[in-house]
All heavy atoms as atom14 arrays in JSON, in Angstrom:
{
  "sequence": "PDHIVWSLFNTVFMNWCCLGFVAFAYSVKARDR",
  "atom14_mask": [
    [1, 1, 1, 1, 1, 1, 1, 0, 0, 0, 0, 0, 0, 0],
    [1, 1, 1, 1, 1, 1, 1, 1, 0, 0, 0, 0, 0, 0],
    [1, 1, 1, 1, 1, 1, 1, 1, 1, 1, 0, 0, 0, 0],
    [1, 1, 1, 1, 1, 1, 1, 1, 0, 0, 0, 0, 0, 0],
    [1, 1, 1, 1, 1, 1, 1, 0, 0, 0, 0, 0, 0, 0],
    [1, 1, 1, 1, 1, 1, 1, 1, 1, 1, 1, 1, 1, 1],
    [1, 1, 1, 1, 1, 1, 0, 0, 0, 0, 0, 0, 0, 0],
    [1, 1, 1, 1, 1, 1, 1, 1, 0, 0, 0, 0, 0, 0],
    [1, 1, 1, 1, 1, 1, 1, 1, 1, 1, 1, 0, 0, 0],
    [1, 1, 1, 1, 1, 1, 1, 1, 0, 0, 0, 0, 0, 0],
    [1, 1, 1, 1, 1, 1, 1, 0, 0, 0, 0, 0, 0, 0],
    [1, 1, 1, 1, 1, 1, 1, 0, 0, 0, 0, 0, 0, 0],
    [1, 1, 1, 1, 1, 1, 1, 1, 1, 1, 1, 0, 0, 0],
    [1, 1, 1, 1, 1, 1, 1, 1, 0, 0, 0, 0, 0, 0],
    [1, 1, 1, 1, 1, 1, 1, 1, 0, 0, 0, 0, 0, 0],
    [1, 1, 1, 1, 1, 1, 1, 1, 1, 1, 1, 1, 1, 1],
    [1, 1, 1, 1, 1, 1, 0, 0, 0, 0, 0, 0, 0, 0],
    [1, 1, 1, 1, 1, 1, 0, 0, 0, 0, 0, 0, 0, 0],
    [1, 1, 1, 1, 1, 1, 1, 1, 0, 0, 0, 0, 0, 0],
    [1, 1, 1, 1, 0, 0, 0, 0, 0, 0, 0, 0, 0, 0],
    [1, 1, 1, 1, 1, 1, 1, 1, 1, 1, 1, 0, 0, 0],
    [1, 1, 1, 1, 1, 1, 1, 0, 0, 0, 0, 0, 0, 0],
    [1, 1, 1, 1, 1, 0, 0, 0, 0, 0, 0, 0, 0, 0],
    [1, 1, 1, 1, 1, 1, 1, 1, 1, 1, 1, 0, 0, 0],
    [1, 1, 1, 1, 1, 0, 0, 0, 0, 0, 0, 0, 0, 0],
    [1, 1, 1, 1, 1, 1, 1, 1, 1, 1, 1, 1, 0, 0],
    [1, 1, 1, 1, 1, 1, 0, 0, 0, 0, 0, 0, 0, 0],
    [1, 1, 1, 1, 1, 1, 1, 0, 0, 0, 0, 0, 0, 0],
    [1, 1, 1, 1, 1, 1, 1, 1, 1, 0, 0, 0, 0, 0],
    [1, 1, 1, 1, 1, 0, 0, 0, 0, 0, 0, 0, 0, 0],
    [1, 1, 1, 1, 1, 1, 1, 1, 1, 1, 1, 0, 0, 0],
    [1, 1, 1, 1, 1, 1, 1, 1, 0, 0, 0, 0, 0, 0],
    [1, 1, 1, 1, 1, 1, 1, 1, 1, 1, 1, 0, 0, 0]
  ],
  "atom14_positions": [
    [[-32.08, 43.92, -10.23], [-33.39, 43.91, -10.89], [-34.41, 43.14, -10.06], [-34.13, 42.05, -9.57], [-33.11, 43.19, -12.22], [-31.92, 42.36, -11.96], [-31.11, 43.09, -10.91], [0.0, 0.0, 0.0], [0.0, 0.0, 0.0], [0.0, 0.0, 0.0], [0.0, 0.0, 0.0], [0.0, 0.0, 0.0], [0.0, 0.0, 0.0], [0.0, 0.0, 0.0]],
    [[-35.59, 43.74, -9.88], [-36.6, 43.05, -9.07], [-37.67, 42.38, -9.93], [-38.52, 41.68, -9.4], [-37.24, 44.03, -8.08], [-37.75, 45.29, -8.75], [-37.84, 45.33, -9.98], [-38.06, 46.24, -8.02], [0.0, 0.0, 0.0], [0.0, 0.0, 0.0], [0.0, 0.0, 0.0], [0.0, 0.0, 0.0], [0.0, 0.0, 0.0], [0.0, 0.0, 0.0]],
    [[-37.66, 42.57, -11.23], [-38.56, 41.91, -12.19], [-40.03, 42.17, -11.87], [-40.88, 41.31, -12.1], [-38.3, 40.41, -12.24], [-36.87, 40.03, -12.47], [-36.23, 40.3, -13.64], [-35.95, 39.44, -11.65], [-34.97, 39.86, -13.56], [-34.77, 39.35, -12.36], [0.0, 0.0, 0.0], [0.0, 0.0, 0.0], [0.0, 0.0, 0.0], [0.0, 0.0, 0.0]],
    [[-40.37, 43.34, -11.36], [-41.74, 43.59, -10.93], [-42.69, 43.76, -12.12], [-43.84, 43.32, -12.08], [-41.81, 44.79, -9.97], [-43.15, 44.81, -9.24], [-41.65, 46.1, -10.67], [-43.02, 44.84, -7.79], [0.0, 0.0, 0.0], [0.0, 0.0, 0.0], [0.0, 0.0, 0.0], [0.0, 0.0, 0.0], [0.0, 0.0, 0.0], [0.0, 0.0, 0.0]],
    [[-42.22, 44.34, -13.21], [-43.09, 44.54, -14.39], [-43.38, 43.19, -15.04], [-44.52, 42.9, -15.42], [-42.41, 45.52, -15.4], [-43.23, 45.64, -16.63], [-42.23, 46.87, -14.74], [0.0, 0.0, 0.0], [0.0, 0.0, 0.0], [0.0, 0.0, 0.0], [0.0, 0.0, 0.0], [0.0, 0.0, 0.0], [0.0, 0.0, 0.0], [0.0, 0.0, 0.0]],
    [[-42.36, 42.36, -15.15], [-42.53, 41.03, -15.73], [-43.48, 40.21, -14.86], [-44.35, 39.51, -15.37], [-41.18, 40.37, -15.83], [-41.13, 39.07, -16.58], [-42.08, 38.52, -17.36], [-40.03, 38.16, -16.6], [-41.66, 37.33, -17.87], [-40.39, 37.08, -17.42], [-38.77, 38.16, -16.01], [-39.56, 36.01, -17.65], [-37.94, 37.09, -16.27], [-38.32, 36.04, -17.08]],
    [[-43.33, 40.32, -13.55], [-44.21, 39.59, -12.63], [-45.64, 40.08, -12.74], [-46.59, 39.28, -12.68], [-43.72, 39.76, -11.2], [-42.43, 39.25, -11.05], [0.0, 0.0, 0.0], [0.0, 0.0, 0.0], [0.0, 0.0, 0.0], [0.0, 0.0, 0.0], [0.0, 0.0, 0.0], [0.0, 0.0, 0.0], [0.0, 0.0, 0.0], [0.0, 0.0, 0.0]],
    [[-45.82, 41.38, -12.87], [-47.17, 41.93, -13.02], [-47.82, 41.44, -14.31], [-48.99, 41.08, -14.33], [-47.13, 43.45, -12.97], [-48.46, 44.16, -12.94], [-49.24, 43.79, -11.7], [-48.25, 45.67, -12.99], [0.0, 0.0, 0.0], [0.0, 0.0, 0.0], [0.0, 0.0, 0.0], [0.0, 0.0, 0.0], [0.0, 0.0, 0.0], [0.0, 0.0, 0.0]],
    [[-47.02, 41.4, -15.4], [-47.54, 40.86, -16.67], [-47.97, 39.43, -16.51], [-49.04, 39.03, -16.96], [-46.46, 41.01, -17.75], [-46.85, 40.37, -19.06], [-47.68, 41.02, -19.95], [-46.39, 39.09, -19.38], [-48.04, 40.44, -21.15], [-46.74, 38.49, -20.57], [-47.57, 39.16, -21.46], [0.0, 0.0, 0.0], [0.0, 0.0, 0.0], [0.0, 0.0, 0.0]],
    [[-47.12, 38.61, -15.88], [-47.45, 37.21, -15.68], [-48.62, 37.02, -14.75], [-49.42, 36.09, -14.91], [-46.24, 36.43, -15.15], [-45.23, 36.14, -16.23], [-45.55, 36.12, -17.41], [-44.0, 35.93, -15.83], [0.0, 0.0, 0.0], [0.0, 0.0, 0.0], [0.0, 0.0, 0.0], [0.0, 0.0, 0.0], [0.0, 0.0, 0.0], [0.0, 0.0, 0.0]],
    [[-48.79, 37.89, -13.78], [-49.95, 37.82, -12.88], [-51.24, 38.11, -13.63], [-52.24, 37.42, -13.43], [-49.8, 38.81, -11.72], [-48.61, 38.48, -11.01], [-50.97, 38.75, -10.77], [0.0, 0.0, 0.0], [0.0, 0.0, 0.0], [0.0, 0.0, 0.0], [0.0, 0.0, 0.0], [0.0, 0.0, 0.0], [0.0, 0.0, 0.0], [0.0, 0.0, 0.0]],
    [[-51.22, 39.08, -14.51], [-52.44, 39.46, -15.21], [-52.73, 38.5, -16.36], [-53.89, 38.09, -16.54], [-52.31, 40.92, -15.71], [-53.49, 41.29, -16.59], [-52.21, 41.87, -14.53], [0.0, 0.0, 0.0], [0.0, 0.0, 0.0], [0.0, 0.0, 0.0], [0.0, 0.0, 0.0], [0.0, 0.0, 0.0], [0.0, 0.0, 0.0], [0.0, 0.0, 0.0]],
    [[-51.73, 38.14, -17.16], [-51.99, 37.39, -18.38], [-51.63, 35.92, -18.32], [-52.23, 35.1, -19.01], [-51.25, 38.03, -19.55], [-51.73, 39.42, -19.85], [-50.93, 40.52, -19.58], [-53.0, 39.64, -20.37], [-51.37, 41.8, -19.84], [-53.45, 40.92, -20.63], [-52.62, 42.0, -20.37], [0.0, 0.0, 0.0], [0.0, 0.0, 0.0], [0.0, 0.0, 0.0]],
    [[-50.63, 35.53, -17.56], [-50.16, 34.14, -17.57], [-50.17, 33.56, -16.16], [-49.17, 33.03, -15.69], [-48.73, 34.07, -18.12], [-48.54, 34.69, -19.45], [-48.24, 33.42, -20.63], [-48.06, 34.38, -22.09], [0.0, 0.0, 0.0], [0.0, 0.0, 0.0], [0.0, 0.0, 0.0], [0.0, 0.0, 0.0], [0.0, 0.0, 0.0], [0.0, 0.0, 0.0]],
    [[-51.27, 33.62, -15.48], [-51.33, 33.22, -14.08], [-51.73, 31.76, -13.94], [-52.62, 31.42, -13.17], [-52.3, 34.13, -13.32], [-52.02, 34.1, -11.83], [-50.99, 33.67, -11.39], [-52.99, 34.58, -11.06], [0.0, 0.0, 0.0], [0.0, 0.0, 0.0], [0.0, 0.0, 0.0], [0.0, 0.0, 0.0], [0.0, 0.0, 0.0], [0.0, 0.0, 0.0]],
    [[-51.1, 30.87, -14.67], [-51.37, 29.44, -14.57], [-50.82, 28.93, -13.25], [-49.67, 29.17, -12.9], [-50.73, 28.69, -15.73], [-51.19, 29.15, -17.06], [-50.52, 29.96, -17.91], [-52.44, 28.88, -17.69], [-51.25, 30.2, -19.03], [-52.44, 29.55, -18.92], [-53.56, 28.15, -17.33], [-53.51, 29.5, -19.81], [-54.61, 28.09, -18.21], [-54.59, 28.76, -19.42]],
    [[-51.62, 28.21, -12.51], [-51.25, 27.63, -11.21], [-50.72, 28.68, -10.25], [-49.9, 28.4, -9.39], [-50.21, 26.55, -11.39], [-50.71, 25.21, -12.48], [0.0, 0.0, 0.0], [0.0, 0.0, 0.0], [0.0, 0.0, 0.0], [0.0, 0.0, 0.0], [0.0, 0.0, 0.0], [0.0, 0.0, 0.0], [0.0, 0.0, 0.0], [0.0, 0.0, 0.0]],
    [[-51.16, 29.91, -10.41], [-50.78, 31.05, -9.53], [-49.28, 31.33, -9.55], [-48.76, 31.94, -8.62], [-51.27, 30.86, -8.11], [-53.05, 30.86, -7.97], [0.0, 0.0, 0.0], [0.0, 0.0, 0.0], [0.0, 0.0, 0.0], [0.0, 0.0, 0.0], [0.0, 0.0, 0.0], [0.0, 0.0, 0.0], [0.0, 0.0, 0.0], [0.0, 0.0, 0.0]],
    [[-48.56, 30.9, -10.58], [-47.12, 31.15, -10.65], [-46.84, 32.64, -10.83], [-45.86, 33.15, -10.28], [-46.51, 30.36, -11.81], [-46.41, 28.86, -11.61], [-45.93, 28.19, -12.89], [-45.5, 28.51, -10.47], [0.0, 0.0, 0.0], [0.0, 0.0, 0.0], [0.0, 0.0, 0.0], [0.0, 0.0, 0.0], [0.0, 0.0, 0.0], [0.0, 0.0, 0.0]],
    [[-47.68, 33.33, -11.58], [-47.49, 34.77, -11.78], [-47.67, 35.54, -10.49], [-46.92, 36.48, -10.19], [0.0, 0.0, 0.0], [0.0, 0.0, 0.0], [0.0, 0.0, 0.0], [0.0, 0.0, 0.0], [0.0, 0.0, 0.0], [0.0, 0.0, 0.0], [0.0, 0.0, 0.0], [0.0, 0.0, 0.0], [0.0, 0.0, 0.0], [0.0, 0.0, 0.0]],
    [[-48.65, 35.13, -9.68], [-48.89, 35.81, -8.4], [-47.73, 35.58, -7.44], [-47.31, 36.49, -6.72], [-50.21, 35.34, -7.8], [-50.52, 36.0, -6.5], [-50.91, 37.32, -6.46], [-50.39, 35.31, -5.31], [-51.18, 37.94, -5.26], [-50.67, 35.92, -4.1], [-51.07, 37.24, -4.07], [0.0, 0.0, 0.0], [0.0, 0.0, 0.0], [0.0, 0.0, 0.0]],
    [[-47.22, 34.34, -7.4], [-46.09, 34.04, -6.52], [-44.87, 34.83, -6.97], [-44.12, 35.37, -6.13], [-45.81, 32.52, -6.52], [-44.54, 32.19, -5.75], [-46.99, 31.76, -5.93], [0.0, 0.0, 0.0], [0.0, 0.0, 0.0], [0.0, 0.0, 0.0], [0.0, 0.0, 0.0], [0.0, 0.0, 0.0], [0.0, 0.0, 0.0], [0.0, 0.0, 0.0]],
    [[-44.64, 34.93, -8.27], [-43.52, 35.72, -8.79], [-43.68, 37.19, -8.41], [-42.7, 37.85, -8.05], [-43.43, 35.57, -10.3], [0.0, 0.0, 0.0], [0.0, 0.0, 0.0], [0.0, 0.0, 0.0], [0.0, 0.0, 0.0], [0.0, 0.0, 0.0], [0.0, 0.0, 0.0], [0.0, 0.0, 0.0], [0.0, 0.0, 0.0], [0.0, 0.0, 0.0]],
    [[-44.91, 37.7, -8.47], [-45.15, 39.08, -8.09], [-44.85, 39.31, -6.6], [-44.26, 40.31, -6.23], [-46.6, 39.47, -8.42], [-46.92, 40.9, -8.18], [-46.39, 41.89, -9.0], [-47.73, 41.29, -7.12], [-46.68, 43.22, -8.78], [-48.02, 42.62, -6.89], [-47.49, 43.58, -7.72], [0.0, 0.0, 0.0], [0.0, 0.0, 0.0], [0.0, 0.0, 0.0]],
    [[-45.23, 38.35, -5.76], [-44.96, 38.46, -4.33], [-43.46, 38.5, -4.06], [-42.97, 39.32, -3.28], [-45.61, 37.31, -3.58], [0.0, 0.0, 0.0], [0.0, 0.0, 0.0], [0.0, 0.0, 0.0], [0.0, 0.0, 0.0], [0.0, 0.0, 0.0], [0.0, 0.0, 0.0], [0.0, 0.0, 0.0], [0.0, 0.0, 0.0], [0.0, 0.0, 0.0]],
    [[-42.71, 37.64, -4.73], [-41.26, 37.64, -4.55], [-40.61, 38.91, -5.12], [-39.62, 39.4, -4.59], [-40.61, 36.4, -5.18], [-40.65, 35.21, -4.23], [-41.59, 34.21, -4.38], [-39.73, 35.1, -3.21], [-41.63, 33.13, -3.53], [-39.75, 34.02, -2.34], [-40.7, 33.04, -2.51], [-40.74, 31.97, -1.66], [0.0, 0.0, 0.0], [0.0, 0.0, 0.0]],
    [[-41.18, 39.46, -6.18], [-40.66, 40.71, -6.73], [-40.85, 41.87, -5.76], [-39.96, 42.72, -5.6], [-41.35, 41.03, -8.05], [-41.04, 40.08, -9.03], [0.0, 0.0, 0.0], [0.0, 0.0, 0.0], [0.0, 0.0, 0.0], [0.0, 0.0, 0.0], [0.0, 0.0, 0.0], [0.0, 0.0, 0.0], [0.0, 0.0, 0.0], [0.0, 0.0, 0.0]],
    [[-42.01, 41.89, -5.1], [-42.25, 42.94, -4.11], [-41.3, 42.77, -2.94], [-40.75, 43.76, -2.42], [-43.73, 42.91, -3.67], [-43.96, 43.8, -2.47], [-44.63, 43.31, -4.8], [0.0, 0.0, 0.0], [0.0, 0.0, 0.0], [0.0, 0.0, 0.0], [0.0, 0.0, 0.0], [0.0, 0.0, 0.0], [0.0, 0.0, 0.0], [0.0, 0.0, 0.0]],
    [[-41.05, 41.53, -2.51], [-40.1, 41.3, -1.43], [-38.7, 41.74, -1.83], [-37.97, 42.31, -1.01], [-40.07, 39.82, -1.06], [-41.27, 39.33, -0.28], [-41.11, 37.87, 0.08], [-42.28, 37.37, 0.89], [-42.07, 35.97, 1.3], [0.0, 0.0, 0.0], [0.0, 0.0, 0.0], [0.0, 0.0, 0.0], [0.0, 0.0, 0.0], [0.0, 0.0, 0.0]],
    [[-38.33, 41.48, -3.09], [-37.0, 41.91, -3.57], [-36.9, 43.43, -3.57], [-35.87, 43.99, -3.17], [-36.75, 41.37, -4.97], [0.0, 0.0, 0.0], [0.0, 0.0, 0.0], [0.0, 0.0, 0.0], [0.0, 0.0, 0.0], [0.0, 0.0, 0.0], [0.0, 0.0, 0.0], [0.0, 0.0, 0.0], [0.0, 0.0, 0.0], [0.0, 0.0, 0.0]],
    [[-37.96, 44.1, -3.99], [-37.94, 45.57, -3.98], [-37.86, 46.1, -2.56], [-37.13, 47.07, -2.28], [-39.19, 46.1, -4.68], [-39.21, 47.62, -4.72], [-40.27, 48.12, -5.62], [-39.78, 48.03, -7.0], [-40.38, 48.59, -8.02], [-41.49, 49.24, -7.86], [-39.89, 48.47, -9.22], [0.0, 0.0, 0.0], [0.0, 0.0, 0.0], [0.0, 0.0, 0.0]],
    [[-38.58, 45.49, -1.62], [-38.51, 45.91, -0.22], [-37.1, 45.74, 0.34], [-36.59, 46.62, 1.02], [-39.52, 45.12, 0.63], [-40.94, 45.5, 0.36], [-41.17, 46.56, -0.27], [-41.85, 44.73, 0.75], [0.0, 0.0, 0.0], [0.0, 0.0, 0.0], [0.0, 0.0, 0.0], [0.0, 0.0, 0.0], [0.0, 0.0, 0.0], [0.0, 0.0, 0.0]],
    [[-36.5, 44.6, 0.08], [-35.13, 44.35, 0.57], [-34.16, 45.33, -0.03], [-33.23, 45.78, 0.63], [-34.68, 42.92, 0.22], [-35.39, 41.85, 0.96], [-34.88, 41.74, 2.37], [-35.91, 42.21, 3.28], [-35.72, 42.65, 4.48], [-34.54, 42.73, 4.99], [-36.72, 43.06, 5.22], [0.0, 0.0, 0.0], [0.0, 0.0, 0.0], [0.0, 0.0, 0.0]]
  ]
}
């Protein structure tokens, strides 16, 4: 599981201290790998 949908949700709605954006970046890296 790459958690990309959850990361996108956190990026849009719960982006406190840019944690959602960082999670989205790692999710994209996981999908690429």
